[in-house]
Amino acid sequence: MHRLVNGTQGYDWGSTDLIPRFLGAEPDGSPVAEIWVGTHPLLPSSLADDDERPLQDVAGRLPFLLKVLAAGKPLSLQVHPDKGQAETGFAAENEAGIPLDAPHRVFRDDNHKPEMAYALTQFETLVGFRPTAEILRVLDHLRTPLAARLSRELHEDPGFPGIVRLVERLLRDVPPADEIEGVVAEARRHLAEGTDVKRAFATVVELAEHYPGDVGVVVGLLLNRLTLQPGEAAFLDSGIIHAHLSGMCLEIMAESDNVLRAGLTSKHIDPAGLVSTLTTRFSRLARVTPEPVDHATVLLSPGSDEFALAVTQCSGADGDGVEVPGAGERLLICTGGEVALRNEHGQELTLRRGDTVHAGADDGELHVRGLGEVAQAFQPASLPATSRLVDLV
């Protein structure tokens, strides 16, 4: 087993305090958006106990990436490509000579990016399109020319394909800022009167506070608002439009950093590319039901070949500790308390909240004892099971 040193991303949407406090540090006022744990070449982890040797030297290239994500304000309106789109886009940008770290680069690798979010605090997000009837209810409350036009177009062209075409027109012919503000003003009026439809109006007002005049504010009306409480999880397949809003979570995903954006951001946007990812195939969006493995561990395995998450809680009542199920290459993070992690050879490491460890196949069976919680990312082939998924759309 090896302790890890991990890099952080200071994107402007990051929280100034959630990750520093998670790591036991004093916030300095700077946003800290993500911790990356894994072997992705853009921000690979290294071994703390071996002169910060790259993790990939001992683990190989891992098929999954584990992150701690902390949002202080809404993230970009975004979609992740499927495998075929990623391979085609990555090859095309390489052929065009676009550097991997170029701000306008879209495809930074050739992989897809299904992902699962496991809430560490209350976590708010926008995920997937609302049903047509619900969108029409939202729009019909807003007495503005823009809302009336969108409602009319969706009445004439309903269903998922019609919603995608509606979004395509919004992104191609962006409404003037005053028309967007008119929608926001109507949402504020309804909130002041105590009226909302599935939190759509509260969402629009929240988005407009951070991104006034942005077309993503209007697109936000069309998206489901989802709240995850600590310990709850959701699976987002490639091709699901989303924008996380606030809170801290663990994200586990196929190893990729491919993001197509179309609003709510100062980064490069690719509206046409985003729309193209919404029209290729069925993509699954679902709550992930934790499956008990034993009294101490639940498994969150959404059916992806690349990743699963096991969350183990232990206490003094467990005596010599409890097993952390799984095998092969594993990444572990202490998400609370203080625990001792032991491999089958007797090596033991003490972990506090925020500490991360790599365990390889040679470490064998792992046990944890103490008072705390450990989350383990691994390939589900070593513990074949699939959690029950409850589709959200």
Protein backbone atom coordinates (compact mmCIF):
# COMPACT_ATOMS: atom_id res chain seq x y z
CA MET A 1 0.00 0.00 0.00
CA HIS A 2 1.15 3.54 -0.72
CA ARG A 3 -0.02 6.90 0.57
CA LEU A 4 -0.76 9.28 -2.28
CA VAL A 5 -0.03 12.90 -3.11
CA ASN A 6 -2.80 14.34 -5.26
CA GLY A 7 -3.20 17.51 -7.29
CA THR A 8 -6.04 20.00 -6.98
CA GLN A 9 -7.89 22.14 -9.51
CA GLY A 10 -8.64 25.76 -8.63
CA TYR A 11 -11.48 26.39 -11.08
CA ASP A 12 -13.40 29.58 -10.34
CA TRP A 13 -16.58 27.68 -9.44
CA GLY A 14 -14.83 25.85 -6.60
CA SER A 15 -15.71 26.31 -2.94
CA THR A 16 -13.26 28.35 -0.88
CA ASP A 17 -13.71 26.24 2.24
CA LEU A 18 -15.19 22.74 1.66
CA ILE A 19 -12.05 20.95 0.38
CA PRO A 20 -9.57 22.80 2.64
CA ARG A 21 -11.63 21.86 5.70
CA PHE A 22 -12.03 18.31 4.38
CA LEU A 23 -8.23 18.12 4.30
CA GLY A 24 -7.88 19.69 7.75
CA ALA A 25 -6.42 22.95 6.43
CA GLU A 26 -7.39 26.58 6.93
CA PRO A 27 -9.08 28.14 3.90
CA ASP A 28 -7.09 30.98 2.34
CA GLY A 29 -9.93 32.44 0.31
CA SER A 30 -8.95 30.76 -2.97
CA PRO A 31 -11.43 28.44 -4.70
CA VAL A 32 -10.55 24.72 -4.60
CA ALA A 33 -12.80 22.84 -6.99
CA GLU A 34 -11.44 19.29 -7.25
CA ILE A 35 -8.92 16.78 -5.93
CA TRP A 36 -7.87 14.22 -8.57
CA VAL A 37 -6.89 10.74 -7.38
CA GLY A 38 -5.63 8.46 -10.14
CA THR A 39 -3.37 8.21 -13.16
CA HIS A 40 -4.93 10.63 -15.65
CA PRO A 41 -1.96 12.35 -17.37
CA LEU A 42 -3.38 15.85 -16.88
CA LEU A 43 -3.08 15.60 -13.07
CA PRO A 44 -1.66 12.23 -11.96
CA SER A 45 -1.21 11.17 -8.35
CA SER A 46 2.18 10.18 -6.96
CA LEU A 47 3.51 8.04 -4.10
CA ALA A 48 4.16 9.99 -0.92
CA ASP A 49 6.49 7.30 0.48
CA ASP A 50 8.64 6.79 -2.64
CA ASP A 51 10.07 10.20 -3.63
CA GLU A 52 6.71 11.06 -5.21
CA ARG A 53 7.18 8.45 -7.89
CA PRO A 54 4.19 8.44 -10.31
CA LEU A 55 1.34 6.20 -9.23
CA GLN A 56 1.21 4.78 -12.74
CA ASP A 57 4.63 3.17 -12.17
CA VAL A 58 3.10 0.74 -9.68
CA ALA A 59 -0.61 0.70 -10.65
CA GLY A 60 -0.43 0.95 -14.42
CA ARG A 61 -2.98 3.15 -16.19
CA LEU A 62 -6.15 2.88 -14.11
CA PRO A 63 -9.47 2.68 -16.00
CA PHE A 64 -11.18 4.90 -13.39
CA LEU A 65 -10.57 8.32 -11.86
CA LEU A 66 -11.65 9.33 -8.37
CA LYS A 67 -12.30 12.99 -7.50
CA VAL A 68 -13.45 15.07 -4.59
CA LEU A 69 -15.60 17.84 -6.09
CA ALA A 70 -16.67 20.95 -4.16
CA ALA A 71 -18.89 23.53 -5.86
CA GLY A 72 -19.22 27.02 -4.43
CA LYS A 73 -21.27 28.16 -7.43
CA PRO A 74 -22.83 26.42 -10.45
CA LEU A 75 -20.59 24.56 -12.87
CA SER A 76 -20.84 24.85 -16.61
CA LEU A 77 -23.76 23.47 -18.59
CA GLN A 78 -22.07 20.36 -19.96
CA VAL A 79 -22.23 16.92 -21.53
CA HIS A 80 -19.62 14.15 -21.75
CA PRO A 81 -19.13 12.29 -25.05
CA ASP A 82 -19.53 8.58 -25.64
CA LYS A 83 -16.55 6.41 -26.61
CA GLY A 84 -16.95 6.78 -30.38
CA GLN A 85 -17.31 10.57 -30.19
CA ALA A 86 -14.28 10.81 -27.90
CA GLU A 87 -12.07 8.74 -30.21
CA THR A 88 -13.13 10.72 -33.29
CA GLY A 89 -12.83 14.12 -31.60
CA PHE A 90 -9.47 13.35 -29.98
CA ALA A 91 -7.98 12.18 -33.27
CA ALA A 92 -9.31 15.24 -35.12
CA GLU A 93 -7.89 17.71 -32.60
CA ASN A 94 -4.55 15.90 -32.62
CA GLU A 95 -4.52 16.05 -36.42
CA ALA A 96 -5.24 19.78 -36.20
CA GLY A 97 -2.23 20.21 -33.91
CA ILE A 98 -4.19 21.60 -30.97
CA PRO A 99 -2.08 21.24 -27.77
CA LEU A 100 -3.61 19.09 -25.03
CA ASP A 101 -3.55 22.02 -22.59
CA ALA A 102 -4.98 24.58 -25.05
CA PRO A 103 -7.96 26.45 -23.54
CA HIS A 104 -10.06 25.76 -26.65
CA ARG A 105 -9.26 22.04 -26.70
CA VAL A 106 -12.40 19.91 -26.17
CA PHE A 107 -11.14 16.30 -26.33
CA ARG A 108 -8.20 15.80 -23.96
CA ASP A 109 -8.25 12.01 -24.27
CA ASP A 110 -10.00 9.34 -26.33
CA ASN A 111 -12.27 7.95 -23.63
CA HIS A 112 -15.92 8.31 -22.68
CA LYS A 113 -16.90 9.63 -19.26
CA PRO A 114 -19.82 7.97 -17.49
CA GLU A 115 -19.68 9.02 -13.85
CA MET A 116 -21.25 8.54 -10.44
CA ALA A 117 -21.61 11.23 -7.76
CA TYR A 118 -21.64 10.14 -4.09
CA ALA A 119 -22.69 13.02 -1.82
CA LEU A 120 -20.49 13.98 1.13
CA THR A 121 -22.66 17.02 1.97
CA GLN A 122 -26.06 17.99 0.66
CA PHE A 123 -25.39 18.15 -3.07
CA GLU A 124 -27.51 20.10 -5.54
CA THR A 125 -27.39 19.45 -9.27
CA LEU A 126 -29.27 19.85 -12.54
CA VAL A 127 -29.38 16.57 -14.48
CA GLY A 128 -31.23 15.56 -17.62
CA PHE A 129 -34.28 17.11 -19.25
CA ARG A 130 -37.61 17.42 -17.51
CA PRO A 131 -40.56 15.65 -19.19
CA THR A 132 -42.24 17.73 -21.90
CA ALA A 133 -45.41 18.29 -19.87
CA GLU A 134 -43.40 19.56 -16.90
CA ILE A 135 -41.39 21.97 -19.07
CA LEU A 136 -44.63 23.32 -20.50
CA ARG A 137 -46.01 23.86 -16.97
CA VAL A 138 -42.86 25.81 -16.09
CA LEU A 139 -42.97 27.96 -19.24
CA ASP A 140 -46.71 28.66 -19.02
CA HIS A 141 -46.17 30.39 -15.65
CA LEU A 142 -43.71 32.86 -17.17
CA ARG A 143 -45.49 35.71 -18.96
CA THR A 144 -42.70 36.80 -21.29
CA PRO A 145 -42.31 36.68 -25.08
CA LEU A 146 -39.32 34.32 -24.82
CA ALA A 147 -41.18 31.84 -22.60
CA ALA A 148 -44.23 32.01 -24.88
CA ARG A 149 -42.08 31.28 -27.95
CA LEU A 150 -40.37 28.32 -26.28
CA SER A 151 -43.73 26.95 -25.13
CA ARG A 152 -45.20 27.25 -28.62
CA GLU A 153 -42.21 25.52 -30.21
CA LEU A 154 -42.31 22.66 -27.72
CA HIS A 155 -46.08 22.20 -28.19
CA GLU A 156 -45.41 21.82 -31.93
CA ASP A 157 -42.39 19.51 -31.47
CA PRO A 158 -42.68 17.60 -28.13
CA GLY A 159 -40.67 14.74 -26.63
CA PHE A 160 -36.95 14.27 -26.17
CA PRO A 161 -36.00 15.01 -29.82
CA GLY A 162 -38.09 18.18 -29.71
CA ILE A 163 -36.43 19.32 -26.48
CA VAL A 164 -33.00 18.77 -28.04
CA ARG A 165 -34.00 20.80 -31.09
CA LEU A 166 -35.31 23.53 -28.78
CA VAL A 167 -31.96 23.64 -26.99
CA GLU A 168 -30.13 23.67 -30.31
CA ARG A 169 -32.07 26.76 -31.42
CA LEU A 170 -31.48 28.49 -28.08
CA LEU A 171 -27.73 27.91 -28.31
CA ARG A 172 -27.50 28.81 -31.99
CA ASP A 173 -29.61 32.00 -31.78
CA VAL A 174 -28.93 33.18 -28.24
CA PRO A 175 -31.73 35.44 -26.94
CA PRO A 176 -30.77 39.02 -26.02
CA ALA A 177 -29.77 39.54 -22.40
CA ASP A 178 -32.88 41.63 -21.69
CA GLU A 179 -35.15 38.75 -22.80
CA ILE A 180 -33.27 36.38 -20.49
CA GLU A 181 -33.56 38.89 -17.65
CA GLY A 182 -37.30 39.09 -18.32
CA VAL A 183 -37.60 35.36 -17.64
CA VAL A 184 -35.54 35.76 -14.46
CA ALA A 185 -37.72 38.67 -13.30
CA GLU A 186 -40.85 36.56 -13.79
CA ALA A 187 -39.26 33.72 -11.80
CA ARG A 188 -38.43 36.15 -8.99
CA ARG A 189 -42.01 37.41 -8.98
CA HIS A 190 -43.41 33.91 -8.60
CA LEU A 191 -40.98 33.10 -5.81
CA ALA A 192 -41.99 36.28 -3.97
CA GLU A 193 -45.60 35.12 -4.25
CA GLY A 194 -44.67 31.66 -2.92
CA THR A 195 -45.03 29.85 -6.26
CA ASP A 196 -42.56 27.46 -7.89
CA VAL A 197 -42.76 24.45 -10.20
CA LYS A 198 -40.40 21.65 -9.17
CA ARG A 199 -37.83 24.32 -8.06
CA ALA A 200 -37.44 25.61 -11.63
CA PHE A 201 -37.89 29.27 -10.68
CA ALA A 202 -35.52 29.07 -7.69
CA THR A 203 -32.94 27.45 -9.97
CA VAL A 204 -33.19 30.17 -12.63
CA VAL A 205 -32.77 32.93 -10.04
CA GLU A 206 -29.76 31.13 -8.55
CA LEU A 207 -28.11 30.70 -11.95
CA ALA A 208 -28.75 34.32 -12.90
CA GLU A 209 -27.03 35.57 -9.75
CA HIS A 210 -23.79 34.01 -10.97
CA TYR A 211 -24.23 34.20 -14.76
CA PRO A 212 -26.54 37.14 -15.62
CA GLY A 213 -27.65 37.19 -19.25
CA ASP A 214 -26.25 33.71 -19.97
CA VAL A 215 -28.35 31.44 -22.19
CA GLY A 216 -27.62 28.61 -19.74
CA VAL A 217 -29.99 30.34 -17.32
CA VAL A 218 -32.88 29.64 -19.70
CA VAL A 219 -31.71 26.11 -20.48
CA GLY A 220 -31.74 25.55 -16.70
CA LEU A 221 -35.54 25.81 -16.83
CA LEU A 222 -35.59 22.61 -18.88
CA LEU A 223 -33.48 20.48 -16.50
CA ASN A 224 -34.39 18.31 -13.52
CA ARG A 225 -33.30 19.67 -10.14
CA LEU A 226 -31.89 16.84 -7.98
CA THR A 227 -30.80 16.91 -4.34
CA LEU A 228 -28.52 14.19 -2.97
CA GLN A 229 -28.23 13.87 0.79
CA PRO A 230 -24.94 12.59 2.28
CA GLY A 231 -24.56 8.91 1.40
CA GLU A 232 -26.84 9.10 -1.66
CA ALA A 233 -25.55 8.64 -5.20
CA ALA A 234 -26.55 9.22 -8.81
CA PHE A 235 -25.20 7.75 -12.06
CA LEU A 236 -24.82 9.96 -15.14
CA ASP A 237 -24.11 8.12 -18.36
CA SER A 238 -22.28 9.75 -21.25
CA GLY A 239 -24.64 12.05 -23.13
CA ILE A 240 -26.53 13.37 -20.08
CA ILE A 241 -26.74 17.17 -19.90
CA HIS A 242 -26.00 18.47 -16.42
CA ALA A 243 -24.73 21.35 -14.30
CA HIS A 244 -23.77 20.76 -10.67
CA LEU A 245 -24.84 23.63 -8.41
CA SER A 246 -23.43 23.33 -4.90
CA GLY A 247 -22.02 20.99 -2.27
CA MET A 248 -19.27 18.37 -2.05
CA CYS A 249 -19.23 14.85 -3.44
CA LEU A 250 -16.99 12.02 -4.47
CA GLU A 251 -17.03 11.52 -8.22
CA ILE A 252 -15.90 8.24 -9.71
CA MET A 253 -15.76 7.96 -13.47
CA ALA A 254 -14.11 6.34 -16.43
CA GLU A 255 -10.68 7.94 -16.72
CA SER A 256 -11.38 10.97 -18.90
CA ASP A 257 -11.48 14.76 -18.90
CA ASN A 258 -13.66 15.28 -21.97
CA VAL A 259 -16.28 17.99 -21.43
CA LEU A 260 -18.43 19.80 -24.01
CA ARG A 261 -19.78 23.07 -22.60
CA ALA A 262 -22.46 25.47 -23.81
CA GLY A 263 -23.05 28.00 -21.04
CA LEU A 264 -22.62 29.05 -17.39
CA THR A 265 -18.85 29.25 -17.80
CA SER A 266 -15.91 31.44 -18.75
CA LYS A 267 -14.26 28.43 -20.42
CA HIS A 268 -14.41 27.48 -24.09
CA ILE A 269 -17.89 26.50 -25.25
CA ASP A 270 -18.90 24.17 -28.08
CA PRO A 271 -22.70 24.43 -28.46
CA ALA A 272 -22.86 22.35 -31.64
CA GLY A 273 -20.70 19.63 -30.08
CA LEU A 274 -22.84 19.58 -26.96
CA VAL A 275 -26.04 19.18 -28.97
CA SER A 276 -24.50 16.37 -31.04
CA THR A 277 -23.86 14.34 -27.88
CA LEU A 278 -27.56 14.53 -26.95
CA THR A 279 -28.85 12.90 -30.12
CA THR A 280 -26.82 9.72 -30.58
CA ARG A 281 -28.28 7.09 -28.25
CA PHE A 282 -30.17 6.36 -25.03
CA SER A 283 -28.21 7.54 -22.00
CA ARG A 284 -29.08 6.47 -18.48
CA LEU A 285 -29.63 8.81 -15.54
CA ALA A 286 -30.49 7.12 -12.27
CA ARG A 287 -30.24 7.11 -8.51
CA VAL A 288 -27.93 4.33 -7.33
CA THR A 289 -29.31 2.25 -4.48
CA PRO A 290 -26.53 1.23 -2.05
CA GLU A 291 -26.40 -2.57 -1.81
CA PRO A 292 -25.33 -3.93 1.61
CA VAL A 293 -22.33 -6.25 1.44
CA ASP A 294 -22.28 -6.83 5.21
CA HIS A 295 -23.08 -4.80 8.33
CA ALA A 296 -20.23 -2.35 7.64
CA THR A 297 -20.09 -1.91 3.85
CA VAL A 298 -22.40 -0.81 1.05
CA LEU A 299 -21.62 -1.22 -2.62
CA LEU A 300 -22.47 1.36 -5.29
CA SER A 301 -21.98 -0.34 -8.65
CA PRO A 302 -23.95 1.26 -11.50
CA GLY A 303 -23.15 -1.37 -14.10
CA SER A 304 -20.07 0.23 -15.64
CA ASP A 305 -17.17 -2.10 -16.42
CA GLU A 306 -14.70 0.57 -15.34
CA PHE A 307 -15.69 1.54 -11.81
CA ALA A 308 -17.59 0.89 -8.62
CA LEU A 309 -17.45 2.33 -5.10
CA ALA A 310 -17.52 0.50 -1.77
CA VAL A 311 -18.12 2.57 1.36
CA THR A 312 -17.13 1.00 4.68
CA GLN A 313 -17.90 2.37 8.16
CA CYS A 314 -16.25 0.98 11.25
CA SER A 315 -16.44 1.58 14.98
CA GLY A 316 -14.92 0.31 18.21
CA ALA A 317 -17.55 -2.42 18.28
CA ASP A 318 -15.81 -4.12 15.34
CA GLY A 319 -12.83 -5.28 17.42
CA ASP A 320 -10.13 -6.36 14.97
CA GLY A 321 -11.81 -4.43 12.18
CA VAL A 322 -13.90 -5.20 9.12
CA GLU A 323 -13.03 -6.28 5.62
CA VAL A 324 -13.02 -3.75 2.79
CA PRO A 325 -14.34 -5.88 -0.10
CA GLY A 326 -12.69 -5.82 -3.50
CA ALA A 327 -9.41 -6.80 -5.12
CA GLY A 328 -6.99 -5.69 -7.81
CA GLU A 329 -5.95 -2.06 -8.16
CA ARG A 330 -7.81 0.07 -5.62
CA LEU A 331 -7.91 3.72 -4.54
CA LEU A 332 -9.10 4.47 -1.02
CA ILE A 333 -10.00 7.75 0.65
CA CYS A 334 -10.91 8.36 4.28
CA THR A 335 -14.08 10.45 4.23
CA GLY A 336 -14.47 10.84 7.99
CA GLY A 337 -12.94 10.01 11.37
CA GLU A 338 -9.65 8.15 11.83
CA VAL A 339 -9.01 4.55 10.82
CA ALA A 340 -6.19 2.03 10.48
CA LEU A 341 -6.00 0.26 7.12
CA ARG A 342 -4.22 -3.12 7.05
CA ASN A 343 -3.33 -5.40 4.14
CA GLU A 344 -2.99 -9.18 4.31
CA HIS A 345 0.79 -8.91 4.92
CA GLY A 346 0.29 -6.90 8.12
CA GLN A 347 1.27 -3.49 6.72
CA GLU A 348 -0.85 -0.85 8.40
CA LEU A 349 -1.47 2.82 7.60
CA THR A 350 -3.36 5.34 9.73
CA LEU A 351 -5.79 7.48 7.73
CA ARG A 352 -7.56 10.68 8.66
CA ARG A 353 -10.20 12.50 6.67
CA GLY A 354 -8.87 13.38 3.22
CA ASP A 355 -5.99 10.87 3.26
CA THR A 356 -5.73 8.64 0.18
CA VAL A 357 -4.05 5.28 -0.45
CA HIS A 358 -3.36 2.99 -3.38
CA ALA A 359 -3.63 -0.75 -2.80
CA GLY A 360 -2.57 -3.22 -5.47
CA ALA A 361 -3.40 -6.82 -6.21
CA ASP A 362 -0.41 -7.94 -4.10
CA ASP A 363 -1.90 -6.27 -1.02
CA GLY A 364 -4.66 -8.86 -1.00
CA GLU A 365 -7.54 -8.56 1.42
CA LEU A 366 -7.84 -5.23 3.24
CA HIS A 367 -9.24 -4.57 6.70
CA VAL A 368 -10.06 -1.32 8.43
CA ARG A 369 -10.57 -0.58 12.11
CA GLY A 370 -11.14 2.50 14.24
CA LEU A 371 -13.95 5.04 14.10
CA GLY A 372 -14.55 6.42 10.63
CA GLU A 373 -15.49 5.86 7.00
CA VAL A 374 -13.45 4.77 4.00
CA ALA A 375 -14.56 4.84 0.35
CA GLN A 376 -12.82 2.52 -2.10
CA ALA A 377 -12.80 2.89 -5.89
CA PHE A 378 -12.16 -0.30 -7.85
CA GLN A 379 -13.16 -2.29 -10.92
CA PRO A 380 -16.35 -4.23 -10.20
CA ALA A 381 -15.08 -7.42 -11.84
CA SER A 382 -13.36 -8.12 -8.52
CA LEU A 383 -16.70 -7.96 -6.69
CA PRO A 384 -19.38 -8.82 -9.26
CA ALA A 385 -22.61 -7.11 -8.30
CA THR A 386 -24.78 -4.35 -9.70
CA SER A 387 -26.71 -1.91 -7.55
CA ARG A 388 -30.37 -1.30 -8.20
CA LEU A 389 -30.76 1.79 -10.38
CA VAL A 390 -33.88 3.96 -10.14
CA ASP A 391 -34.22 5.88 -13.38
CA LEU A 392 -34.83 9.60 -13.04
CA VAL A 393 -36.03 10.05 -16.63
